[in-house]
Structure formats: C-alpha cells, structure tokens
Amino acid sequence: MAKQIFKATMAWSGQGVYCEGGTRGFKVATDEPKELGGDDRAMNPVELLLCSLGGCICICAAAFAPKCRVDLKGVSVDLEGDLDPDGFLGKNPNTRKGYQEIRFKINIDSPSPQESIDKLLSIIEERCPVSDTLCGVEVKKYT
C-alpha cells in the first residue's frame, strides 16, 4: 500500500485558549482546565493524546483479534501520563514540556486461551501507529 498523507486543521476560537478543528468532516475541540488558564470546555491536547493512544490500541485489538484467534468480547485501555506544567509554562527551562512517561493497561474481555490473548497483546504493542509515533517521529513545520 502506498504512503498516505493524513491532514487535520485546528484553529483558535478567539476566546480564552479554546480551539476547534477536525478532519474529514469530524470535529474536535481542545481547551485547558481553569488552573492552566482555560475555561475547561474540552480536553486539553495532552489528554487528547492519551485518548488517541488508547483509541489506536483498541482499534489494533479489534483489527488483529481474528488473526490471533481471539474471540474479542470487549477491550478498553486505562492510560495515565506524567507531565510537569512548569516546562510548558516556561517556569523551569530544564523541565520537559511534554510527558515524561505514559503508562497504559489494556483490558481484554475474551474467553480465548491466554496464549492467543498474549499474541494479540504482542502484535498491538508491535504495530500501534500512535505508540510508534510517540516513540520518535520528527515534528517540523512545513510551507
């Protein structure tokens, strides 16, 4: 399959730090909690990033379960990340601006043998595009 280019657009609403955007006719919004200068009208971008990772893991589980002979009844992902706002806010130049660590737990509901479920979990960790992206893609401006 040839390389695909995915596109999205986000724009500031003109109020507080609230932004709206989307892709392919789907909409998404971002804001910040009040303690970080927002109006708490939507997830902030780093929360949305966690949801993107969780969504990708769930999609991978559903897509690869048949290949692994897993009778998937349900899948969910619990995620958390450590982020020190002092980096983003410029209070400490030695503090990373993004997550220092992201942790997740995949919850598989299936009557299938554990060996099959373990194979599925291995494939998910190996092939999740969002996880792979978080591990080292270069982010740069384009013209």
N, C-alpha and C. Protein backbone atom coordinates (compact mmCIF):
# COMPACT_ATOMS: atom_id res chain seq x y z
N MET A 1 0.85 -1.17 0.00
CA MET A 1 0.00 0.00 0.00
C MET A 1 0.90 1.24 0.00
N ALA A 2 0.53 2.23 -0.77
CA ALA A 2 1.30 3.46 -0.86
C ALA A 2 1.13 4.32 0.38
N LYS A 3 2.14 5.15 0.62
CA LYS A 3 2.09 6.07 1.76
C LYS A 3 0.88 6.98 1.63
N GLN A 4 0.19 7.20 2.74
CA GLN A 4 -0.95 8.10 2.78
C GLN A 4 -0.60 9.34 3.59
N ILE A 5 -1.15 10.45 3.22
CA ILE A 5 -0.97 11.69 3.97
C ILE A 5 -2.28 11.98 4.69
N PHE A 6 -2.22 12.06 6.01
CA PHE A 6 -3.38 12.41 6.82
C PHE A 6 -3.29 13.89 7.13
N LYS A 7 -4.43 14.57 7.14
CA LYS A 7 -4.44 16.01 7.37
C LYS A 7 -5.48 16.37 8.42
N ALA A 8 -5.20 17.42 9.15
CA ALA A 8 -6.14 17.96 10.13
C ALA A 8 -5.91 19.45 10.24
N THR A 9 -6.89 20.15 10.74
CA THR A 9 -6.79 21.59 10.95
C THR A 9 -7.34 21.93 12.32
N MET A 10 -6.65 22.78 13.04
CA MET A 10 -7.12 23.32 14.32
C MET A 10 -7.00 24.83 14.26
N ALA A 11 -7.92 25.52 14.92
CA ALA A 11 -7.88 26.99 14.94
C ALA A 11 -8.35 27.48 16.31
N TRP A 12 -7.73 28.54 16.75
CA TRP A 12 -8.11 29.20 17.99
C TRP A 12 -9.47 29.86 17.79
N SER A 13 -10.34 29.75 18.77
CA SER A 13 -11.70 30.29 18.67
C SER A 13 -11.76 31.80 18.87
N GLY A 14 -10.69 32.37 19.42
CA GLY A 14 -10.72 33.79 19.75
C GLY A 14 -11.14 34.05 21.19
N GLN A 15 -11.46 32.98 21.92
CA GLN A 15 -11.89 33.11 23.31
C GLN A 15 -11.02 32.22 24.19
N GLY A 16 -10.39 32.83 25.19
CA GLY A 16 -9.54 32.06 26.10
C GLY A 16 -8.47 31.31 25.34
N VAL A 17 -8.35 30.01 25.59
CA VAL A 17 -7.42 29.17 24.84
C VAL A 17 -8.17 28.04 24.10
N TYR A 18 -9.48 28.18 23.98
CA TYR A 18 -10.33 27.17 23.35
C TYR A 18 -10.07 27.12 21.84
N CYS A 19 -9.88 25.90 21.31
CA CYS A 19 -9.63 25.70 19.88
C CYS A 19 -10.56 24.63 19.34
N GLU A 20 -10.88 24.75 18.06
CA GLU A 20 -11.70 23.76 17.38
C GLU A 20 -11.06 23.39 16.06
N GLY A 21 -11.32 22.20 15.62
CA GLY A 21 -10.78 21.76 14.34
C GLY A 21 -11.31 20.40 14.00
N GLY A 22 -10.60 19.75 13.10
CA GLY A 22 -11.01 18.42 12.73
C GLY A 22 -10.40 17.95 11.44
N THR A 23 -10.98 16.86 10.95
CA THR A 23 -10.53 16.26 9.71
C THR A 23 -11.66 15.41 9.13
N ARG A 24 -11.75 15.36 7.82
CA ARG A 24 -12.73 14.53 7.12
C ARG A 24 -14.16 14.76 7.60
N GLY A 25 -14.48 15.98 8.04
CA GLY A 25 -15.83 16.29 8.50
C GLY A 25 -16.08 15.99 9.97
N PHE A 26 -15.09 15.44 10.67
CA PHE A 26 -15.21 15.17 12.09
C PHE A 26 -14.62 16.34 12.86
N LYS A 27 -15.24 16.68 13.99
CA LYS A 27 -14.80 17.83 14.77
C LYS A 27 -14.20 17.40 16.11
N VAL A 28 -13.28 18.22 16.58
CA VAL A 28 -12.66 18.01 17.88
C VAL A 28 -12.39 19.40 18.47
N ALA A 29 -12.38 19.47 19.78
CA ALA A 29 -12.09 20.74 20.46
C ALA A 29 -11.04 20.49 21.53
N THR A 30 -10.27 21.53 21.82
CA THR A 30 -9.32 21.47 22.92
C THR A 30 -9.43 22.74 23.75
N ASP A 31 -9.13 22.61 25.01
CA ASP A 31 -9.13 23.72 25.95
C ASP A 31 -8.15 23.34 27.05
N GLU A 32 -8.12 24.05 28.09
CA GLU A 32 -7.30 23.73 29.27
C GLU A 32 -8.19 23.83 30.50
N PRO A 33 -7.84 23.09 31.54
CA PRO A 33 -8.57 23.28 32.80
C PRO A 33 -8.35 24.71 33.31
N LYS A 34 -9.23 25.16 34.17
CA LYS A 34 -9.13 26.53 34.69
C LYS A 34 -7.78 26.81 35.34
N GLU A 35 -7.22 25.82 36.05
CA GLU A 35 -5.93 26.05 36.72
C GLU A 35 -4.77 26.22 35.75
N LEU A 36 -4.99 25.89 34.46
CA LEU A 36 -3.96 26.10 33.45
C LEU A 36 -4.36 27.19 32.45
N GLY A 37 -5.33 28.03 32.83
CA GLY A 37 -5.67 29.19 32.03
C GLY A 37 -6.81 29.01 31.05
N GLY A 38 -7.50 27.90 31.10
CA GLY A 38 -8.61 27.67 30.17
C GLY A 38 -9.95 27.83 30.84
N ASP A 39 -10.99 27.48 30.09
CA ASP A 39 -12.36 27.51 30.60
C ASP A 39 -12.90 26.11 30.86
N ASP A 40 -12.08 25.08 30.67
CA ASP A 40 -12.44 23.68 30.91
C ASP A 40 -13.65 23.25 30.07
N ARG A 41 -13.66 23.67 28.79
CA ARG A 41 -14.75 23.34 27.88
C ARG A 41 -14.49 22.08 27.07
N ALA A 42 -13.24 21.58 27.10
CA ALA A 42 -12.87 20.39 26.32
C ALA A 42 -11.59 19.81 26.91
N MET A 43 -11.24 18.63 26.44
CA MET A 43 -9.96 18.03 26.85
C MET A 43 -8.82 18.95 26.43
N ASN A 44 -7.72 18.88 27.17
CA ASN A 44 -6.55 19.60 26.69
C ASN A 44 -5.80 18.70 25.72
N PRO A 45 -4.87 19.24 24.94
CA PRO A 45 -4.20 18.44 23.92
C PRO A 45 -3.48 17.21 24.46
N VAL A 46 -2.88 17.29 25.64
CA VAL A 46 -2.17 16.11 26.15
C VAL A 46 -3.14 15.03 26.62
N GLU A 47 -4.34 15.43 27.08
CA GLU A 47 -5.38 14.44 27.39
C GLU A 47 -5.88 13.79 26.10
N LEU A 48 -6.04 14.60 25.07
CA LEU A 48 -6.47 14.09 23.77
C LEU A 48 -5.43 13.13 23.20
N LEU A 49 -4.16 13.41 23.46
CA LEU A 49 -3.10 12.49 23.03
C LEU A 49 -3.24 11.13 23.71
N LEU A 50 -3.54 11.13 25.00
CA LEU A 50 -3.77 9.86 25.69
C LEU A 50 -4.96 9.12 25.07
N CYS A 51 -6.03 9.85 24.77
CA CYS A 51 -7.19 9.23 24.13
C CYS A 51 -6.84 8.69 22.75
N SER A 52 -6.00 9.40 22.02
CA SER A 52 -5.57 8.92 20.70
C SER A 52 -4.81 7.61 20.82
N LEU A 53 -3.92 7.54 21.80
CA LEU A 53 -3.18 6.30 22.02
C LEU A 53 -4.13 5.17 22.42
N GLY A 54 -5.03 5.44 23.34
CA GLY A 54 -6.00 4.43 23.76
C GLY A 54 -6.90 3.98 22.61
N GLY A 55 -7.33 4.93 21.79
CA GLY A 55 -8.17 4.59 20.64
C GLY A 55 -7.42 3.72 19.65
N CYS A 56 -6.17 4.04 19.42
CA CYS A 56 -5.36 3.26 18.49
C CYS A 56 -5.14 1.83 19.01
N ILE A 57 -4.90 1.70 20.29
CA ILE A 57 -4.72 0.37 20.89
C ILE A 57 -6.01 -0.44 20.74
N CYS A 58 -7.16 0.18 21.00
CA CYS A 58 -8.45 -0.53 20.85
C CYS A 58 -8.69 -0.94 19.40
N ILE A 59 -8.40 -0.04 18.46
CA ILE A 59 -8.56 -0.36 17.04
C ILE A 59 -7.66 -1.52 16.66
N CYS A 60 -6.41 -1.50 17.12
CA CYS A 60 -5.49 -2.61 16.82
C CYS A 60 -6.02 -3.92 17.39
N ALA A 61 -6.55 -3.88 18.60
CA ALA A 61 -7.10 -5.10 19.21
C ALA A 61 -8.23 -5.66 18.35
N ALA A 62 -9.14 -4.80 17.95
CA ALA A 62 -10.27 -5.25 17.14
C ALA A 62 -9.82 -5.74 15.76
N ALA A 63 -8.84 -5.06 15.18
CA ALA A 63 -8.38 -5.42 13.83
C ALA A 63 -7.59 -6.73 13.82
N PHE A 64 -6.77 -6.96 14.85
CA PHE A 64 -5.87 -8.11 14.84
C PHE A 64 -6.38 -9.31 15.63
N ALA A 65 -7.48 -9.16 16.36
CA ALA A 65 -8.01 -10.28 17.14
C ALA A 65 -8.32 -11.51 16.28
N PRO A 66 -8.98 -11.35 15.13
CA PRO A 66 -9.25 -12.54 14.33
C PRO A 66 -7.98 -13.28 13.89
N LYS A 67 -6.94 -12.52 13.53
CA LYS A 67 -5.67 -13.14 13.11
C LYS A 67 -5.06 -13.96 14.24
N CYS A 68 -5.27 -13.51 15.48
CA CYS A 68 -4.70 -14.18 16.65
C CYS A 68 -5.66 -15.22 17.23
N ARG A 69 -6.79 -15.41 16.56
CA ARG A 69 -7.83 -16.34 17.02
C ARG A 69 -8.32 -15.98 18.42
N VAL A 70 -8.53 -14.68 18.61
CA VAL A 70 -9.08 -14.18 19.88
C VAL A 70 -10.53 -13.79 19.64
N ASP A 71 -11.42 -14.38 20.40
CA ASP A 71 -12.84 -14.04 20.37
C ASP A 71 -13.02 -12.81 21.27
N LEU A 72 -12.90 -11.65 20.67
CA LEU A 72 -12.90 -10.39 21.42
C LEU A 72 -14.33 -9.98 21.78
N LYS A 73 -14.63 -9.95 23.07
CA LYS A 73 -15.93 -9.50 23.56
C LYS A 73 -15.91 -8.03 23.92
N GLY A 74 -14.72 -7.54 24.29
CA GLY A 74 -14.56 -6.14 24.65
C GLY A 74 -13.10 -5.82 24.87
N VAL A 75 -12.78 -4.56 24.72
CA VAL A 75 -11.43 -4.09 25.01
C VAL A 75 -11.51 -2.64 25.46
N SER A 76 -10.74 -2.31 26.47
CA SER A 76 -10.63 -0.92 26.93
C SER A 76 -9.19 -0.69 27.35
N VAL A 77 -8.83 0.56 27.46
CA VAL A 77 -7.47 0.91 27.83
C VAL A 77 -7.52 2.01 28.89
N ASP A 78 -6.83 1.79 29.99
CA ASP A 78 -6.65 2.83 31.01
C ASP A 78 -5.27 3.43 30.78
N LEU A 79 -5.21 4.76 30.72
CA LEU A 79 -3.95 5.44 30.42
C LEU A 79 -3.70 6.55 31.43
N GLU A 80 -2.43 6.80 31.68
CA GLU A 80 -2.04 7.94 32.51
C GLU A 80 -0.66 8.39 32.08
N GLY A 81 -0.40 9.66 32.26
CA GLY A 81 0.89 10.21 31.88
C GLY A 81 1.37 11.22 32.89
N ASP A 82 2.69 11.27 33.06
CA ASP A 82 3.31 12.23 33.98
C ASP A 82 3.79 13.44 33.19
N LEU A 83 3.27 14.61 33.53
CA LEU A 83 3.64 15.84 32.85
C LEU A 83 3.76 16.95 33.89
N ASP A 84 4.85 17.67 33.86
CA ASP A 84 5.07 18.79 34.76
C ASP A 84 4.78 20.08 33.99
N PRO A 85 3.69 20.79 34.30
CA PRO A 85 3.32 22.01 33.57
C PRO A 85 4.38 23.11 33.63
N ASP A 86 5.33 23.03 34.56
CA ASP A 86 6.37 24.06 34.63
C ASP A 86 7.19 24.14 33.34
N GLY A 87 7.32 23.04 32.62
CA GLY A 87 8.04 23.07 31.34
C GLY A 87 7.26 23.85 30.30
N PHE A 88 6.00 23.54 30.12
CA PHE A 88 5.13 24.20 29.16
C PHE A 88 4.97 25.69 29.49
N LEU A 89 4.83 25.99 30.79
CA LEU A 89 4.59 27.37 31.21
C LEU A 89 5.87 28.22 31.25
N GLY A 90 7.02 27.58 30.97
CA GLY A 90 8.28 28.32 30.95
C GLY A 90 8.84 28.63 32.32
N LYS A 91 8.31 28.01 33.36
CA LYS A 91 8.79 28.27 34.72
C LYS A 91 10.11 27.58 35.01
N ASN A 92 10.38 26.49 34.32
CA ASN A 92 11.62 25.74 34.52
C ASN A 92 12.13 25.25 33.17
N PRO A 93 13.19 25.90 32.65
CA PRO A 93 13.70 25.52 31.32
C PRO A 93 14.31 24.12 31.29
N ASN A 94 14.57 23.55 32.44
CA ASN A 94 15.16 22.20 32.49
C ASN A 94 14.10 21.10 32.57
N THR A 95 12.82 21.48 32.59
CA THR A 95 11.74 20.52 32.68
C THR A 95 11.20 20.23 31.29
N ARG A 96 11.06 18.96 30.98
CA ARG A 96 10.50 18.57 29.69
C ARG A 96 9.10 19.17 29.54
N LYS A 97 8.76 19.61 28.34
CA LYS A 97 7.47 20.24 28.10
C LYS A 97 6.34 19.22 27.97
N GLY A 98 6.67 18.05 27.50
CA GLY A 98 5.66 17.01 27.30
C GLY A 98 5.71 15.95 28.38
N TYR A 99 5.04 14.85 28.09
CA TYR A 99 5.02 13.75 29.05
C TYR A 99 6.42 13.20 29.30
N GLN A 100 6.71 12.95 30.58
CA GLN A 100 7.94 12.26 30.93
C GLN A 100 7.76 10.76 30.78
N GLU A 101 6.53 10.29 31.02
CA GLU A 101 6.22 8.87 30.89
C GLU A 101 4.72 8.71 30.67
N ILE A 102 4.36 7.73 29.84
CA ILE A 102 2.97 7.35 29.63
C ILE A 102 2.85 5.87 29.96
N ARG A 103 1.83 5.55 30.74
CA ARG A 103 1.57 4.15 31.11
C ARG A 103 0.16 3.79 30.67
N PHE A 104 -0.01 2.53 30.28
CA PHE A 104 -1.35 2.08 29.91
C PHE A 104 -1.55 0.63 30.32
N LYS A 105 -2.81 0.30 30.51
CA LYS A 105 -3.20 -1.07 30.83
C LYS A 105 -4.32 -1.44 29.86
N ILE A 106 -4.09 -2.51 29.09
CA ILE A 106 -5.10 -2.99 28.15
C ILE A 106 -5.96 -4.03 28.86
N ASN A 107 -7.26 -3.84 28.80
CA ASN A 107 -8.22 -4.76 29.42
C ASN A 107 -8.93 -5.52 28.31
N ILE A 108 -8.62 -6.80 28.16
CA ILE A 108 -9.20 -7.65 27.12
C ILE A 108 -10.28 -8.54 27.75
N ASP A 109 -11.46 -8.49 27.20
CA ASP A 109 -12.54 -9.39 27.61
C ASP A 109 -12.69 -10.44 26.52
N SER A 110 -12.27 -11.67 26.83
CA SER A 110 -12.30 -12.74 25.84
C SER A 110 -12.23 -14.10 26.55
N PRO A 111 -13.00 -15.07 26.03
CA PRO A 111 -12.91 -16.43 26.56
C PRO A 111 -11.77 -17.22 25.93
N SER A 112 -11.01 -16.59 25.04
CA SER A 112 -9.94 -17.28 24.31
C SER A 112 -8.80 -17.66 25.24
N PRO A 113 -7.98 -18.65 24.83
CA PRO A 113 -6.83 -19.06 25.63
C PRO A 113 -5.85 -17.89 25.85
N GLN A 114 -5.23 -17.85 27.02
CA GLN A 114 -4.30 -16.77 27.35
C GLN A 114 -3.17 -16.66 26.33
N GLU A 115 -2.76 -17.78 25.79
CA GLU A 115 -1.69 -17.77 24.78
C GLU A 115 -2.09 -16.93 23.57
N SER A 116 -3.34 -17.05 23.13
CA SER A 116 -3.83 -16.26 22.00
C SER A 116 -3.94 -14.79 22.36
N ILE A 117 -4.41 -14.51 23.57
CA ILE A 117 -4.52 -13.12 24.04
C ILE A 117 -3.13 -12.49 24.14
N ASP A 118 -2.15 -13.24 24.64
CA ASP A 118 -0.78 -12.73 24.73
C ASP A 118 -0.21 -12.42 23.35
N LYS A 119 -0.52 -13.26 22.37
CA LYS A 119 -0.08 -13.00 20.99
C LYS A 119 -0.69 -11.70 20.49
N LEU A 120 -1.99 -11.50 20.76
CA LEU A 120 -2.67 -10.27 20.36
C LEU A 120 -2.02 -9.06 21.02
N LEU A 121 -1.75 -9.14 22.31
CA LEU A 121 -1.12 -8.02 23.02
C LEU A 121 0.24 -7.70 22.43
N SER A 122 0.98 -8.71 22.05
CA SER A 122 2.29 -8.52 21.46
C SER A 122 2.18 -7.80 20.10
N ILE A 123 1.22 -8.20 19.30
CA ILE A 123 1.02 -7.56 18.00
C ILE A 123 0.59 -6.11 18.17
N ILE A 124 -0.29 -5.86 19.15
CA ILE A 124 -0.72 -4.48 19.40
C ILE A 124 0.48 -3.61 19.75
N GLU A 125 1.32 -4.06 20.66
CA GLU A 125 2.49 -3.28 21.06
C GLU A 125 3.47 -3.09 19.90
N GLU A 126 3.53 -4.06 19.03
CA GLU A 126 4.45 -4.01 17.89
C GLU A 126 3.96 -3.09 16.79
N ARG A 127 2.63 -3.00 16.60
CA ARG A 127 2.10 -2.34 15.40
C ARG A 127 1.29 -1.08 15.63
N CYS A 128 1.04 -0.66 16.86
CA CYS A 128 0.22 0.52 17.12
C CYS A 128 0.88 1.78 16.54
N PRO A 129 0.27 2.41 15.53
CA PRO A 129 0.88 3.58 14.91
C PRO A 129 1.05 4.77 15.86
N VAL A 130 0.12 4.99 16.76
CA VAL A 130 0.24 6.14 17.67
C VAL A 130 1.39 5.90 18.65
N SER A 131 1.49 4.70 19.17
CA SER A 131 2.60 4.38 20.07
C SER A 131 3.93 4.56 19.35
N ASP A 132 4.00 4.08 18.13
CA ASP A 132 5.22 4.22 17.33
C ASP A 132 5.56 5.70 17.11
N THR A 133 4.54 6.49 16.82
CA THR A 133 4.74 7.93 16.61
C THR A 133 5.29 8.60 17.86
N LEU A 134 4.75 8.23 19.01
CA LEU A 134 5.22 8.83 20.26
C LEU A 134 6.67 8.46 20.58
N CYS A 135 7.14 7.40 19.97
CA CYS A 135 8.49 6.93 20.26
C CYS A 135 9.56 7.55 19.38
N GLY A 136 9.22 8.51 18.54
CA GLY A 136 10.33 9.13 17.83
C GLY A 136 10.10 9.75 16.47
N VAL A 137 8.94 10.28 16.19
CA VAL A 137 8.76 10.96 14.92
C VAL A 137 9.27 12.39 15.03
N GLU A 138 9.82 12.89 13.94
CA GLU A 138 10.26 14.28 13.90
C GLU A 138 9.04 15.15 13.60
N VAL A 139 8.83 16.19 14.39
CA VAL A 139 7.75 17.14 14.16
C VAL A 139 8.37 18.42 13.65
N LYS A 140 7.95 18.85 12.47
CA LYS A 140 8.54 20.06 11.89
C LYS A 140 7.50 20.85 11.12
N LYS A 141 7.75 22.12 10.95
CA LYS A 141 6.85 23.00 10.20
C LYS A 141 7.00 22.69 8.71
N TYR A 142 5.94 22.92 7.96
CA TYR A 142 6.04 22.83 6.51
C TYR A 142 5.48 24.10 5.90
N THR A 143 5.86 24.34 4.66
CA THR A 143 5.39 25.57 3.98
C THR A 143 4.54 25.26 2.80
